[in-house]
Amino acid sequence: MSGTLYIVATPIGNLEDITYRAVNILKSVDIIACEDTRRTRILTDRYGISKPMVSFYSYNEVRKCSYLTNELLSGKNIALVSEAGTPGLSDPGHSIIKAAIEKNIPLDSIPGPTALIDALVLSGKPMNKFIFEGFLSNKSSQRKKRLGQLKGDTRTVILYESPHRILKLLNDILEVMGDVQVVCARELTKKFQEINRDKVSGIIAHYVKNGVKGEFVVII
């Protein structure tokens, strides 16, 4: 009988945002497959969890997927965690989830934090209909093309962006969509959490003046 693959959501910042169930699952499995062993070690040390860890990130995902699938088929239980939030959501994980389904390996999702929902709730924007785009292309031409396609969308649009590219994204939004109202959420659940609600020109001016740190959720 094969083991179970547990998809475990972990805190996006504040380590207290983990669930009792997630801690119990991480303590019970045979292997923890994680995007960043160093980041996951901080979490496991905090909660007294001592289990073998296997790195599972975008550059070794294909190779490690085969290994993890074989471990599951041999009867071992594996917890899949990302660096923060829910595995597979703009993070590695989809390939092993898909492989497990194809091989009839039992799956279970342990729900918890995800940055896009946290930011959406804090944004004040309509939540009845929204579209999550994750990270747009790192090529400006492709980014602008997608923003143009989203321009007429009546749903709330949610994007992820890194601190290195946030100003490029915001300037592209200004160029393609005009001076629209946006919300930028960064450092969610952490000590220096910041939610900026303004026209995109005002947001750009803010970050040019104050600098850019942390990962961003951008809501249009």
N, C-alpha and C. Protein backbone atom coordinates (compact mmCIF):
# COMPACT_ATOMS: atom_id res chain seq x y z
N MET A 1 0.84 -1.19 0.00
CA MET A 1 0.00 0.00 0.00
C MET A 1 0.88 1.24 0.00
N SER A 2 0.55 2.20 -0.87
CA SER A 2 1.35 3.41 -0.97
C SER A 2 1.08 4.35 0.20
N GLY A 3 2.02 5.26 0.41
CA GLY A 3 1.84 6.28 1.43
C GLY A 3 0.95 7.40 0.92
N THR A 4 0.85 8.46 1.72
CA THR A 4 0.01 9.61 1.37
C THR A 4 0.89 10.84 1.17
N LEU A 5 0.54 11.63 0.16
CA LEU A 5 1.20 12.91 -0.05
C LEU A 5 0.34 13.99 0.60
N TYR A 6 0.90 14.66 1.59
CA TYR A 6 0.20 15.75 2.27
C TYR A 6 0.72 17.08 1.74
N ILE A 7 -0.18 17.90 1.23
CA ILE A 7 0.18 19.23 0.74
C ILE A 7 -0.10 20.21 1.89
N VAL A 8 0.98 20.69 2.51
CA VAL A 8 0.85 21.42 3.77
C VAL A 8 1.14 22.91 3.57
N ALA A 9 0.15 23.74 3.85
CA ALA A 9 0.36 25.19 3.80
C ALA A 9 1.10 25.63 5.07
N THR A 10 2.09 26.50 4.89
CA THR A 10 2.89 26.98 6.02
C THR A 10 2.83 28.50 6.07
N PRO A 11 3.22 29.10 7.20
CA PRO A 11 3.11 30.55 7.37
C PRO A 11 3.81 31.34 6.28
N ILE A 12 3.22 32.49 5.90
CA ILE A 12 3.83 33.36 4.91
C ILE A 12 4.74 34.40 5.57
N GLY A 13 4.78 34.41 6.90
CA GLY A 13 5.63 35.35 7.62
C GLY A 13 5.68 35.05 9.10
N ASN A 14 4.54 35.20 9.73
CA ASN A 14 4.43 34.97 11.17
C ASN A 14 4.34 33.47 11.45
N LEU A 15 5.31 32.93 12.15
CA LEU A 15 5.36 31.48 12.39
C LEU A 15 4.19 30.97 13.23
N GLU A 16 3.48 31.86 13.91
CA GLU A 16 2.33 31.44 14.71
C GLU A 16 1.10 31.14 13.85
N ASP A 17 1.18 31.42 12.56
CA ASP A 17 0.05 31.20 11.67
C ASP A 17 -0.04 29.77 11.14
N ILE A 18 0.66 28.84 11.74
CA ILE A 18 0.54 27.44 11.34
C ILE A 18 -0.57 26.79 12.15
N THR A 19 -1.24 25.81 11.56
CA THR A 19 -2.34 25.15 12.26
C THR A 19 -1.83 23.97 13.10
N TYR A 20 -2.63 23.59 14.09
CA TYR A 20 -2.29 22.41 14.90
C TYR A 20 -2.18 21.18 14.01
N ARG A 21 -3.10 21.09 13.05
CA ARG A 21 -3.11 19.92 12.17
C ARG A 21 -1.83 19.86 11.34
N ALA A 22 -1.38 21.02 10.83
CA ALA A 22 -0.17 21.04 10.03
C ALA A 22 1.03 20.58 10.85
N VAL A 23 1.13 21.04 12.08
CA VAL A 23 2.23 20.62 12.95
C VAL A 23 2.19 19.11 13.17
N ASN A 24 1.01 18.59 13.44
CA ASN A 24 0.87 17.14 13.69
C ASN A 24 1.24 16.32 12.45
N ILE A 25 0.85 16.79 11.28
CA ILE A 25 1.19 16.08 10.04
C ILE A 25 2.70 16.10 9.83
N LEU A 26 3.33 17.26 10.01
CA LEU A 26 4.78 17.37 9.82
C LEU A 26 5.54 16.47 10.81
N LYS A 27 4.98 16.28 11.98
CA LYS A 27 5.61 15.40 12.97
C LYS A 27 5.43 13.92 12.64
N SER A 28 4.40 13.60 11.87
CA SER A 28 4.06 12.19 11.65
C SER A 28 4.60 11.60 10.35
N VAL A 29 4.93 12.45 9.37
CA VAL A 29 5.35 11.91 8.07
C VAL A 29 6.78 11.36 8.13
N ASP A 30 7.13 10.62 7.08
CA ASP A 30 8.49 10.06 6.99
C ASP A 30 9.48 11.04 6.37
N ILE A 31 8.99 11.87 5.46
CA ILE A 31 9.86 12.81 4.73
C ILE A 31 9.13 14.14 4.58
N ILE A 32 9.87 15.25 4.69
CA ILE A 32 9.34 16.57 4.35
C ILE A 32 10.05 17.03 3.08
N ALA A 33 9.28 17.23 2.01
CA ALA A 33 9.82 17.75 0.76
C ALA A 33 9.59 19.25 0.75
N CYS A 34 10.69 20.02 0.70
CA CYS A 34 10.54 21.46 0.89
C CYS A 34 11.31 22.25 -0.17
N GLU A 35 10.76 23.40 -0.49
CA GLU A 35 11.38 24.28 -1.49
C GLU A 35 12.72 24.81 -1.00
N ASP A 36 12.79 25.15 0.28
CA ASP A 36 14.02 25.71 0.86
C ASP A 36 14.23 25.09 2.24
N THR A 37 15.18 24.18 2.35
CA THR A 37 15.39 23.46 3.61
C THR A 37 15.75 24.41 4.75
N ARG A 38 16.45 25.49 4.43
CA ARG A 38 16.85 26.43 5.49
C ARG A 38 15.64 27.14 6.07
N ARG A 39 14.73 27.57 5.20
CA ARG A 39 13.52 28.25 5.68
C ARG A 39 12.62 27.29 6.45
N THR A 40 12.49 26.07 5.92
CA THR A 40 11.64 25.09 6.60
C THR A 40 12.24 24.69 7.94
N ARG A 41 13.57 24.66 8.04
CA ARG A 41 14.24 24.31 9.30
C ARG A 41 13.89 25.30 10.40
N ILE A 42 13.74 26.56 10.06
CA ILE A 42 13.34 27.56 11.05
C ILE A 42 11.98 27.20 11.63
N LEU A 43 11.06 26.79 10.76
CA LEU A 43 9.72 26.41 11.20
C LEU A 43 9.74 25.13 12.02
N THR A 44 10.44 24.09 11.54
CA THR A 44 10.44 22.82 12.25
C THR A 44 11.15 22.93 13.60
N ASP A 45 12.20 23.73 13.67
CA ASP A 45 12.88 23.92 14.96
C ASP A 45 11.96 24.60 15.95
N ARG A 46 11.16 25.54 15.47
CA ARG A 46 10.24 26.27 16.34
C ARG A 46 9.23 25.33 16.99
N TYR A 47 8.81 24.30 16.26
CA TYR A 47 7.76 23.41 16.76
C TYR A 47 8.26 22.00 17.11
N GLY A 48 9.56 21.85 17.27
CA GLY A 48 10.11 20.58 17.72
C GLY A 48 9.90 19.44 16.75
N ILE A 49 9.97 19.73 15.46
CA ILE A 49 9.77 18.72 14.43
C ILE A 49 11.13 18.28 13.90
N SER A 50 11.37 16.97 13.94
CA SER A 50 12.65 16.45 13.47
C SER A 50 12.40 15.31 12.48
N LYS A 51 12.41 15.65 11.21
CA LYS A 51 12.16 14.67 10.15
C LYS A 51 13.15 14.88 9.01
N PRO A 52 13.48 13.83 8.27
CA PRO A 52 14.36 14.00 7.11
C PRO A 52 13.74 14.96 6.10
N MET A 53 14.58 15.83 5.53
CA MET A 53 14.11 16.80 4.54
C MET A 53 14.75 16.53 3.19
N VAL A 54 13.98 16.74 2.14
CA VAL A 54 14.45 16.63 0.77
C VAL A 54 14.13 17.93 0.06
N SER A 55 15.12 18.52 -0.60
CA SER A 55 14.86 19.77 -1.33
C SER A 55 14.03 19.47 -2.57
N PHE A 56 13.08 20.34 -2.83
CA PHE A 56 12.18 20.18 -3.97
C PHE A 56 11.86 21.57 -4.50
N TYR A 57 12.67 22.05 -5.44
CA TYR A 57 12.48 23.40 -5.94
C TYR A 57 12.45 23.37 -7.47
N SER A 58 12.26 24.53 -8.09
CA SER A 58 11.97 24.57 -9.52
C SER A 58 13.05 23.92 -10.38
N TYR A 59 14.33 24.02 -9.97
CA TYR A 59 15.41 23.53 -10.82
C TYR A 59 15.66 22.02 -10.67
N ASN A 60 15.15 21.40 -9.62
CA ASN A 60 15.35 19.95 -9.50
C ASN A 60 14.01 19.22 -9.43
N GLU A 61 12.94 19.93 -9.76
CA GLU A 61 11.59 19.40 -9.59
C GLU A 61 11.36 18.12 -10.38
N VAL A 62 11.80 18.08 -11.63
CA VAL A 62 11.57 16.90 -12.47
C VAL A 62 12.30 15.69 -11.89
N ARG A 63 13.57 15.87 -11.54
CA ARG A 63 14.38 14.76 -11.02
C ARG A 63 13.85 14.27 -9.68
N LYS A 64 13.53 15.20 -8.79
CA LYS A 64 13.07 14.81 -7.45
C LYS A 64 11.65 14.28 -7.46
N CYS A 65 10.88 14.65 -8.46
CA CYS A 65 9.51 14.16 -8.55
C CYS A 65 9.49 12.64 -8.66
N SER A 66 10.37 12.08 -9.50
CA SER A 66 10.46 10.64 -9.68
C SER A 66 10.86 9.96 -8.37
N TYR A 67 11.84 10.54 -7.68
CA TYR A 67 12.30 9.98 -6.40
C TYR A 67 11.18 9.98 -5.37
N LEU A 68 10.50 11.10 -5.24
CA LEU A 68 9.45 11.21 -4.23
C LEU A 68 8.27 10.29 -4.55
N THR A 69 7.96 10.16 -5.82
CA THR A 69 6.87 9.26 -6.23
C THR A 69 7.20 7.82 -5.84
N ASN A 70 8.43 7.42 -6.08
CA ASN A 70 8.84 6.06 -5.71
C ASN A 70 8.79 5.85 -4.20
N GLU A 71 9.17 6.86 -3.45
CA GLU A 71 9.10 6.77 -1.98
C GLU A 71 7.65 6.62 -1.52
N LEU A 72 6.76 7.36 -2.15
CA LEU A 72 5.33 7.24 -1.81
C LEU A 72 4.81 5.84 -2.15
N LEU A 73 5.18 5.33 -3.31
CA LEU A 73 4.73 4.00 -3.72
C LEU A 73 5.29 2.90 -2.82
N SER A 74 6.42 3.18 -2.17
CA SER A 74 7.00 2.20 -1.26
C SER A 74 6.31 2.21 0.11
N GLY A 75 5.40 3.17 0.31
CA GLY A 75 4.64 3.20 1.56
C GLY A 75 4.97 4.36 2.48
N LYS A 76 5.89 5.22 2.09
CA LYS A 76 6.26 6.34 2.94
C LYS A 76 5.29 7.50 2.77
N ASN A 77 5.01 8.18 3.88
CA ASN A 77 4.18 9.38 3.86
C ASN A 77 5.08 10.61 3.70
N ILE A 78 4.69 11.51 2.84
CA ILE A 78 5.51 12.69 2.55
C ILE A 78 4.67 13.95 2.71
N ALA A 79 5.25 14.95 3.37
CA ALA A 79 4.63 16.28 3.46
C ALA A 79 5.33 17.20 2.48
N LEU A 80 4.57 17.86 1.64
CA LEU A 80 5.11 18.82 0.68
C LEU A 80 4.86 20.23 1.21
N VAL A 81 5.93 21.00 1.36
CA VAL A 81 5.79 22.39 1.81
C VAL A 81 6.58 23.30 0.87
N SER A 82 6.12 24.53 0.72
CA SER A 82 6.86 25.51 -0.06
C SER A 82 7.62 26.41 0.90
N GLU A 83 8.31 27.39 0.35
CA GLU A 83 9.05 28.33 1.19
C GLU A 83 8.10 29.07 2.13
N ALA A 84 6.91 29.36 1.63
CA ALA A 84 5.87 30.02 2.43
C ALA A 84 4.55 29.90 1.70
N GLY A 85 3.47 29.69 2.45
CA GLY A 85 2.15 29.61 1.84
C GLY A 85 1.79 28.21 1.37
N THR A 86 1.01 28.14 0.31
CA THR A 86 0.45 26.88 -0.17
C THR A 86 1.26 26.31 -1.34
N PRO A 87 1.79 25.10 -1.22
CA PRO A 87 2.58 24.50 -2.31
C PRO A 87 1.80 24.43 -3.62
N GLY A 88 2.51 24.66 -4.71
CA GLY A 88 1.89 24.59 -6.03
C GLY A 88 1.28 25.89 -6.50
N LEU A 89 1.12 26.85 -5.60
CA LEU A 89 0.52 28.14 -5.94
C LEU A 89 1.64 29.15 -6.16
N SER A 90 2.06 29.30 -7.42
CA SER A 90 3.23 30.12 -7.77
C SER A 90 4.50 29.61 -7.08
N ASP A 91 4.49 28.36 -6.72
CA ASP A 91 5.63 27.70 -6.08
C ASP A 91 5.71 26.27 -6.62
N PRO A 92 6.86 25.60 -6.46
CA PRO A 92 6.96 24.20 -6.90
C PRO A 92 5.92 23.32 -6.20
N GLY A 93 5.52 22.26 -6.86
CA GLY A 93 4.59 21.33 -6.23
C GLY A 93 3.61 20.69 -7.20
N HIS A 94 3.27 21.40 -8.27
CA HIS A 94 2.25 20.87 -9.17
C HIS A 94 2.66 19.53 -9.78
N SER A 95 3.94 19.38 -10.12
CA SER A 95 4.38 18.15 -10.80
C SER A 95 4.21 16.92 -9.92
N ILE A 96 4.55 17.02 -8.64
CA ILE A 96 4.42 15.86 -7.76
C ILE A 96 2.95 15.59 -7.44
N ILE A 97 2.15 16.63 -7.35
CA ILE A 97 0.71 16.45 -7.13
C ILE A 97 0.10 15.72 -8.33
N LYS A 98 0.45 16.17 -9.52
CA LYS A 98 -0.06 15.54 -10.75
C LYS A 98 0.40 14.09 -10.85
N ALA A 99 1.68 13.84 -10.53
CA ALA A 99 2.22 12.48 -10.61
C ALA A 99 1.52 11.56 -9.61
N ALA A 100 1.26 12.07 -8.42
CA ALA A 100 0.57 11.26 -7.41
C ALA A 100 -0.84 10.88 -7.87
N ILE A 101 -1.54 11.82 -8.48
CA ILE A 101 -2.88 11.53 -8.98
C ILE A 101 -2.83 10.48 -10.08
N GLU A 102 -1.86 10.61 -10.99
CA GLU A 102 -1.75 9.65 -12.09
C GLU A 102 -1.45 8.24 -11.59
N LYS A 103 -0.76 8.12 -10.47
CA LYS A 103 -0.40 6.80 -9.94
C LYS A 103 -1.32 6.36 -8.80
N ASN A 104 -2.45 7.08 -8.64
CA ASN A 104 -3.45 6.74 -7.63
C ASN A 104 -2.89 6.75 -6.21
N ILE A 105 -1.95 7.63 -5.97
CA ILE A 105 -1.40 7.81 -4.63
C ILE A 105 -2.34 8.74 -3.84
N PRO A 106 -2.72 8.39 -2.62
CA PRO A 106 -3.62 9.24 -1.85
C PRO A 106 -3.03 10.63 -1.60
N LEU A 107 -3.89 11.64 -1.70
CA LEU A 107 -3.50 13.03 -1.46
C LEU A 107 -4.34 13.61 -0.34
N ASP A 108 -3.77 14.54 0.38
CA ASP A 108 -4.55 15.29 1.37
C ASP A 108 -3.99 16.70 1.45
N SER A 109 -4.85 17.68 1.48
CA SER A 109 -4.43 19.07 1.57
C SER A 109 -4.67 19.59 2.99
N ILE A 110 -3.63 20.18 3.56
CA ILE A 110 -3.72 20.76 4.90
C ILE A 110 -3.78 22.27 4.72
N PRO A 111 -4.96 22.86 4.74
CA PRO A 111 -5.10 24.27 4.38
C PRO A 111 -4.47 25.20 5.40
N GLY A 112 -4.16 26.40 4.92
CA GLY A 112 -3.55 27.39 5.79
C GLY A 112 -3.31 28.68 5.03
N PRO A 113 -2.29 29.44 5.40
CA PRO A 113 -2.07 30.77 4.83
C PRO A 113 -1.77 30.75 3.34
N THR A 114 -2.24 31.79 2.66
CA THR A 114 -1.86 32.06 1.29
C THR A 114 -1.90 33.57 1.08
N ALA A 115 -0.83 34.12 0.54
CA ALA A 115 -0.68 35.57 0.48
C ALA A 115 -1.77 36.26 -0.34
N LEU A 116 -2.23 35.61 -1.39
CA LEU A 116 -3.19 36.30 -2.26
C LEU A 116 -4.51 36.57 -1.54
N ILE A 117 -4.98 35.62 -0.72
CA ILE A 117 -6.24 35.81 0.01
C ILE A 117 -6.06 36.84 1.13
N ASP A 118 -4.95 36.78 1.82
CA ASP A 118 -4.66 37.74 2.89
C ASP A 118 -4.66 39.16 2.32
N ALA A 119 -3.98 39.36 1.21
CA ALA A 119 -3.90 40.68 0.59
C ALA A 119 -5.26 41.13 0.07
N LEU A 120 -6.00 40.21 -0.53
CA LEU A 120 -7.32 40.55 -1.07
C LEU A 120 -8.25 41.03 0.04
N VAL A 121 -8.25 40.33 1.16
CA VAL A 121 -9.11 40.71 2.29
C VAL A 121 -8.74 42.11 2.80
N LEU A 122 -7.43 42.40 2.87
CA LEU A 122 -6.98 43.69 3.38
C LEU A 122 -7.10 44.82 2.37
N SER A 123 -7.28 44.49 1.11
CA SER A 123 -7.28 45.51 0.06
C SER A 123 -8.52 46.39 0.06
N GLY A 124 -9.63 45.82 0.46
CA GLY A 124 -10.89 46.54 0.38
C GLY A 124 -11.53 46.46 -1.00
N LYS A 125 -10.91 45.74 -1.91
CA LYS A 125 -11.45 45.58 -3.26
C LYS A 125 -12.49 44.45 -3.28
N PRO A 126 -13.37 44.45 -4.30
CA PRO A 126 -14.40 43.41 -4.38
C PRO A 126 -13.81 42.00 -4.36
N MET A 127 -14.41 41.14 -3.56
CA MET A 127 -13.90 39.77 -3.42
C MET A 127 -14.83 38.73 -4.02
N ASN A 128 -15.98 39.17 -4.57
CA ASN A 128 -16.92 38.18 -5.11
C ASN A 128 -16.43 37.57 -6.41
N LYS A 129 -15.65 38.34 -7.19
CA LYS A 129 -15.07 37.82 -8.42
C LYS A 129 -13.64 38.35 -8.55
N PHE A 130 -12.69 37.44 -8.64
CA PHE A 130 -11.31 37.88 -8.81
C PHE A 130 -10.55 36.87 -9.68
N ILE A 131 -9.43 37.34 -10.25
CA ILE A 131 -8.58 36.49 -11.06
C ILE A 131 -7.15 36.59 -10.53
N PHE A 132 -6.53 35.44 -10.32
CA PHE A 132 -5.16 35.39 -9.82
C PHE A 132 -4.23 35.08 -10.97
N GLU A 133 -3.30 36.00 -11.24
CA GLU A 133 -2.37 35.85 -12.36
C GLU A 133 -0.98 35.44 -11.92
N GLY A 134 -0.70 35.46 -10.61
CA GLY A 134 0.63 35.11 -10.13
C GLY A 134 1.67 36.10 -10.64
N PHE A 135 2.85 35.59 -11.01
CA PHE A 135 3.91 36.43 -11.55
C PHE A 135 3.73 36.57 -13.06
N LEU A 136 3.66 37.81 -13.55
CA LEU A 136 3.63 38.03 -14.98
C LEU A 136 5.04 37.82 -15.54
N SER A 137 5.14 37.82 -16.86
CA SER A 137 6.42 37.60 -17.52
C SER A 137 7.46 38.62 -17.07
N ASN A 138 8.72 38.19 -17.02
CA ASN A 138 9.79 39.13 -16.70
C ASN A 138 10.20 39.96 -17.92
N LYS A 139 9.58 39.69 -19.05
CA LYS A 139 9.82 40.49 -20.26
C LYS A 139 8.74 41.57 -20.35
N SER A 140 9.17 42.82 -20.46
CA SER A 140 8.23 43.94 -20.45
C SER A 140 7.18 43.82 -21.54
N SER A 141 7.57 43.40 -22.74
CA SER A 141 6.61 43.31 -23.85
C SER A 141 5.50 42.31 -23.55
N GLN A 142 5.88 41.16 -22.99
CA GLN A 142 4.88 40.15 -22.64
C GLN A 142 4.03 40.59 -21.46
N ARG A 143 4.67 41.27 -20.52
CA ARG A 143 3.94 41.80 -19.34
C ARG A 143 2.89 42.82 -19.79
N LYS A 144 3.28 43.73 -20.66
CA LYS A 144 2.34 44.75 -21.14
C LYS A 144 1.21 44.12 -21.96
N LYS A 145 1.54 43.10 -22.74
CA LYS A 145 0.51 42.42 -23.52
C LYS A 145 -0.55 41.82 -22.61
N ARG A 146 -0.11 41.17 -21.52
CA ARG A 146 -1.09 40.55 -20.61
C ARG A 146 -1.88 41.62 -19.86
N LEU A 147 -1.23 42.69 -19.46
CA LEU A 147 -1.94 43.78 -18.78
C LEU A 147 -2.99 44.39 -19.70
N GLY A 148 -2.67 44.48 -20.99
CA GLY A 148 -3.64 44.98 -21.95
C GLY A 148 -4.85 44.08 -22.05
N GLN A 149 -4.63 42.77 -21.97
CA GLN A 149 -5.73 41.82 -22.01
C GLN A 149 -6.59 41.90 -20.75
N LEU A 150 -5.97 42.28 -19.64
CA LEU A 150 -6.69 42.37 -18.37
C LEU A 150 -7.37 43.73 -18.16
N LYS A 151 -7.03 44.69 -18.99
CA LYS A 151 -7.49 46.06 -18.79
C LYS A 151 -9.01 46.17 -18.69
N GLY A 152 -9.72 45.46 -19.53
CA GLY A 152 -11.17 45.56 -19.54
C GLY A 152 -11.87 44.57 -18.62
N ASP A 153 -11.09 43.78 -17.87
CA ASP A 153 -11.68 42.76 -16.99
C ASP A 153 -12.37 43.42 -15.81
N THR A 154 -13.58 43.00 -15.52
CA THR A 154 -14.34 43.60 -14.41
C THR A 154 -14.03 42.94 -13.07
N ARG A 155 -13.25 41.88 -13.09
CA ARG A 155 -12.88 41.20 -11.85
C ARG A 155 -11.68 41.90 -11.19
N THR A 156 -11.54 41.71 -9.89
CA THR A 156 -10.34 42.17 -9.19
C THR A 156 -9.18 41.31 -9.64
N VAL A 157 -8.07 41.95 -10.02
CA VAL A 157 -6.89 41.24 -10.54
C VAL A 157 -5.82 41.19 -9.45
N ILE A 158 -5.28 39.99 -9.21
CA ILE A 158 -4.26 39.80 -8.18
C ILE A 158 -2.98 39.31 -8.84
N LEU A 159 -1.88 40.02 -8.55
CA LEU A 159 -0.56 39.67 -9.10
C LEU A 159 0.44 39.49 -7.96
N TYR A 160 1.46 38.70 -8.22
CA TYR A 160 2.62 38.61 -7.34
C TYR A 160 3.79 39.32 -8.02
N GLU A 161 4.68 39.90 -7.22
CA GLU A 161 5.88 40.48 -7.80
C GLU A 161 7.00 40.53 -6.78
N SER A 162 8.23 40.46 -7.29
CA SER A 162 9.42 40.51 -6.45
C SER A 162 9.84 41.96 -6.22
N PRO A 163 10.65 42.22 -5.19
CA PRO A 163 11.11 43.59 -4.95
C PRO A 163 11.98 44.13 -6.08
N HIS A 164 12.62 43.24 -6.83
CA HIS A 164 13.52 43.66 -7.91
C HIS A 164 12.76 44.15 -9.14
N ARG A 165 11.48 43.74 -9.26
CA ARG A 165 10.74 44.08 -10.47
C ARG A 165 9.48 44.89 -10.20
N ILE A 166 9.20 45.21 -8.95
CA ILE A 166 7.92 45.84 -8.63
C ILE A 166 7.75 47.18 -9.34
N LEU A 167 8.79 48.00 -9.39
CA LEU A 167 8.66 49.30 -10.04
C LEU A 167 8.45 49.15 -11.55
N LYS A 168 9.07 48.15 -12.15
CA LYS A 168 8.85 47.90 -13.58
C LYS A 168 7.40 47.51 -13.82
N LEU A 169 6.85 46.65 -12.96
CA LEU A 169 5.46 46.25 -13.10
C LEU A 169 4.53 47.45 -12.93
N LEU A 170 4.76 48.25 -11.90
CA LEU A 170 3.89 49.40 -11.64
C LEU A 170 3.93 50.40 -12.78
N ASN A 171 5.11 50.63 -13.34
CA ASN A 171 5.22 51.55 -14.48
C ASN A 171 4.52 51.00 -15.71
N ASP A 172 4.57 49.68 -15.89
CA ASP A 172 3.84 49.07 -17.00
C ASP A 172 2.33 49.20 -16.80
N ILE A 173 1.87 49.04 -15.57
CA ILE A 173 0.44 49.22 -15.27
C ILE A 173 0.02 50.64 -15.60
N LEU A 174 0.83 51.62 -15.20
CA LEU A 174 0.53 53.03 -15.48
C LEU A 174 0.46 53.28 -16.98
N GLU A 175 1.39 52.70 -17.73
CA GLU A 175 1.43 52.92 -19.18
C GLU A 175 0.26 52.26 -19.89
N VAL A 176 -0.07 51.05 -19.49
CA VAL A 176 -1.08 50.27 -20.21
C VAL A 176 -2.50 50.55 -19.72
N MET A 177 -2.67 50.65 -18.41
CA MET A 177 -4.01 50.77 -17.83
C MET A 177 -4.37 52.19 -17.42
N GLY A 178 -3.38 53.08 -17.42
CA GLY A 178 -3.63 54.42 -16.94
C GLY A 178 -3.40 54.51 -15.44
N ASP A 179 -3.74 55.67 -14.87
CA ASP A 179 -3.48 55.90 -13.45
C ASP A 179 -4.59 55.30 -12.58
N VAL A 180 -4.68 53.97 -12.62
CA VAL A 180 -5.74 53.25 -11.92
C VAL A 180 -5.42 53.11 -10.43
N GLN A 181 -6.46 52.84 -9.66
CA GLN A 181 -6.28 52.56 -8.25
C GLN A 181 -5.70 51.17 -8.07
N VAL A 182 -4.66 51.05 -7.27
CA VAL A 182 -4.07 49.76 -6.98
C VAL A 182 -3.82 49.63 -5.48
N VAL A 183 -3.61 48.42 -5.06
CA VAL A 183 -3.22 48.13 -3.68
C VAL A 183 -1.94 47.30 -3.74
N CYS A 184 -0.92 47.73 -3.01
CA CYS A 184 0.31 46.95 -2.90
C CYS A 184 0.47 46.49 -1.46
N ALA A 185 0.52 45.19 -1.27
CA ALA A 185 0.69 44.61 0.06
C ALA A 185 2.05 43.93 0.13
N ARG A 186 2.83 44.24 1.15
CA ARG A 186 4.15 43.63 1.28
C ARG A 186 4.39 43.23 2.73
N GLU A 187 5.31 42.29 2.91
CA GLU A 187 5.68 41.80 4.24
C GLU A 187 4.45 41.36 5.04
N LEU A 188 3.52 40.70 4.37
CA LEU A 188 2.27 40.29 5.01
C LEU A 188 2.51 39.42 6.23
N THR A 189 1.81 39.71 7.28
CA THR A 189 1.82 39.05 8.60
C THR A 189 3.09 39.32 9.39
N LYS A 190 4.03 40.08 8.83
CA LYS A 190 5.29 40.34 9.52
C LYS A 190 5.23 41.67 10.27
N LYS A 191 6.27 41.98 11.00
CA LYS A 191 6.32 43.18 11.84
C LYS A 191 6.15 44.45 11.02
N PHE A 192 6.74 44.47 9.83
CA PHE A 192 6.69 45.68 9.00
C PHE A 192 5.70 45.55 7.84
N GLN A 193 4.60 44.84 8.09
CA GLN A 193 3.55 44.72 7.08
C GLN A 193 3.11 46.11 6.63
N GLU A 194 2.93 46.25 5.31
CA GLU A 194 2.53 47.55 4.76
C GLU A 194 1.49 47.33 3.67
N ILE A 195 0.39 48.06 3.74
CA ILE A 195 -0.66 48.02 2.73
C ILE A 195 -0.80 49.42 2.16
N ASN A 196 -0.43 49.60 0.91
CA ASN A 196 -0.55 50.91 0.24
C ASN A 196 -1.73 50.89 -0.71
N ARG A 197 -2.68 51.82 -0.50
CA ARG A 197 -3.84 51.95 -1.37
C ARG A 197 -3.79 53.34 -2.00
N ASP A 198 -3.63 53.41 -3.32
CA ASP A 198 -3.48 54.70 -3.98
C ASP A 198 -3.56 54.50 -5.49
N LYS A 199 -3.56 55.61 -6.22
CA LYS A 199 -3.38 55.50 -7.66
C LYS A 199 -1.97 54.99 -7.91
N VAL A 200 -1.80 54.33 -9.05
CA VAL A 200 -0.51 53.68 -9.30
C VAL A 200 0.62 54.70 -9.34
N SER A 201 0.36 55.93 -9.79
CA SER A 201 1.41 56.95 -9.80
C SER A 201 1.86 57.28 -8.39
N GLY A 202 0.93 57.31 -7.45
CA GLY A 202 1.26 57.58 -6.05
C GLY A 202 2.05 56.44 -5.43
N ILE A 203 1.71 55.22 -5.80
CA ILE A 203 2.43 54.05 -5.29
C ILE A 203 3.88 54.07 -5.80
N ILE A 204 4.04 54.40 -7.09
CA ILE A 204 5.38 54.47 -7.67
C ILE A 204 6.22 55.52 -6.93
N ALA A 205 5.64 56.69 -6.71
CA ALA A 205 6.35 57.77 -6.02
C ALA A 205 6.75 57.34 -4.61
N HIS A 206 5.88 56.60 -3.95
CA HIS A 206 6.16 56.14 -2.58
C HIS A 206 7.38 55.23 -2.55
N TYR A 207 7.44 54.28 -3.47
CA TYR A 207 8.55 53.32 -3.45
C TYR A 207 9.84 53.93 -3.99
N VAL A 208 9.74 54.88 -4.90
CA VAL A 208 10.94 55.58 -5.36
C VAL A 208 11.55 56.35 -4.19
N LYS A 209 10.72 56.95 -3.37
CA LYS A 209 11.19 57.75 -2.23
C LYS A 209 11.69 56.88 -1.08
N ASN A 210 10.95 55.80 -0.78
CA ASN A 210 11.22 55.02 0.43
C ASN A 210 11.96 53.71 0.19
N GLY A 211 12.18 53.36 -1.06
CA GLY A 211 12.85 52.10 -1.34
C GLY A 211 11.88 50.93 -1.35
N VAL A 212 12.39 49.79 -1.79
CA VAL A 212 11.57 48.60 -1.96
C VAL A 212 12.17 47.43 -1.22
N LYS A 213 11.36 46.80 -0.38
CA LYS A 213 11.78 45.59 0.33
C LYS A 213 10.61 44.62 0.41
N GLY A 214 10.92 43.34 0.43
CA GLY A 214 9.89 42.33 0.65
C GLY A 214 9.17 41.89 -0.62
N GLU A 215 8.45 40.80 -0.53
CA GLU A 215 7.67 40.30 -1.64
C GLU A 215 6.33 41.03 -1.67
N PHE A 216 5.79 41.21 -2.89
CA PHE A 216 4.59 42.01 -3.07
C PHE A 216 3.41 41.23 -3.61
N VAL A 217 2.22 41.62 -3.15
CA VAL A 217 0.97 41.26 -3.81
C VAL A 217 0.38 42.55 -4.32
N VAL A 218 0.08 42.61 -5.62
CA VAL A 218 -0.47 43.81 -6.25
C VAL A 218 -1.91 43.51 -6.67
N ILE A 219 -2.82 44.38 -6.27
CA ILE A 219 -4.23 44.19 -6.56
C ILE A 219 -4.76 45.38 -7.34
N ILE A 220 -5.37 45.08 -8.47
CA ILE A 220 -5.93 46.12 -9.35
C ILE A 220 -7.45 45.97 -9.37
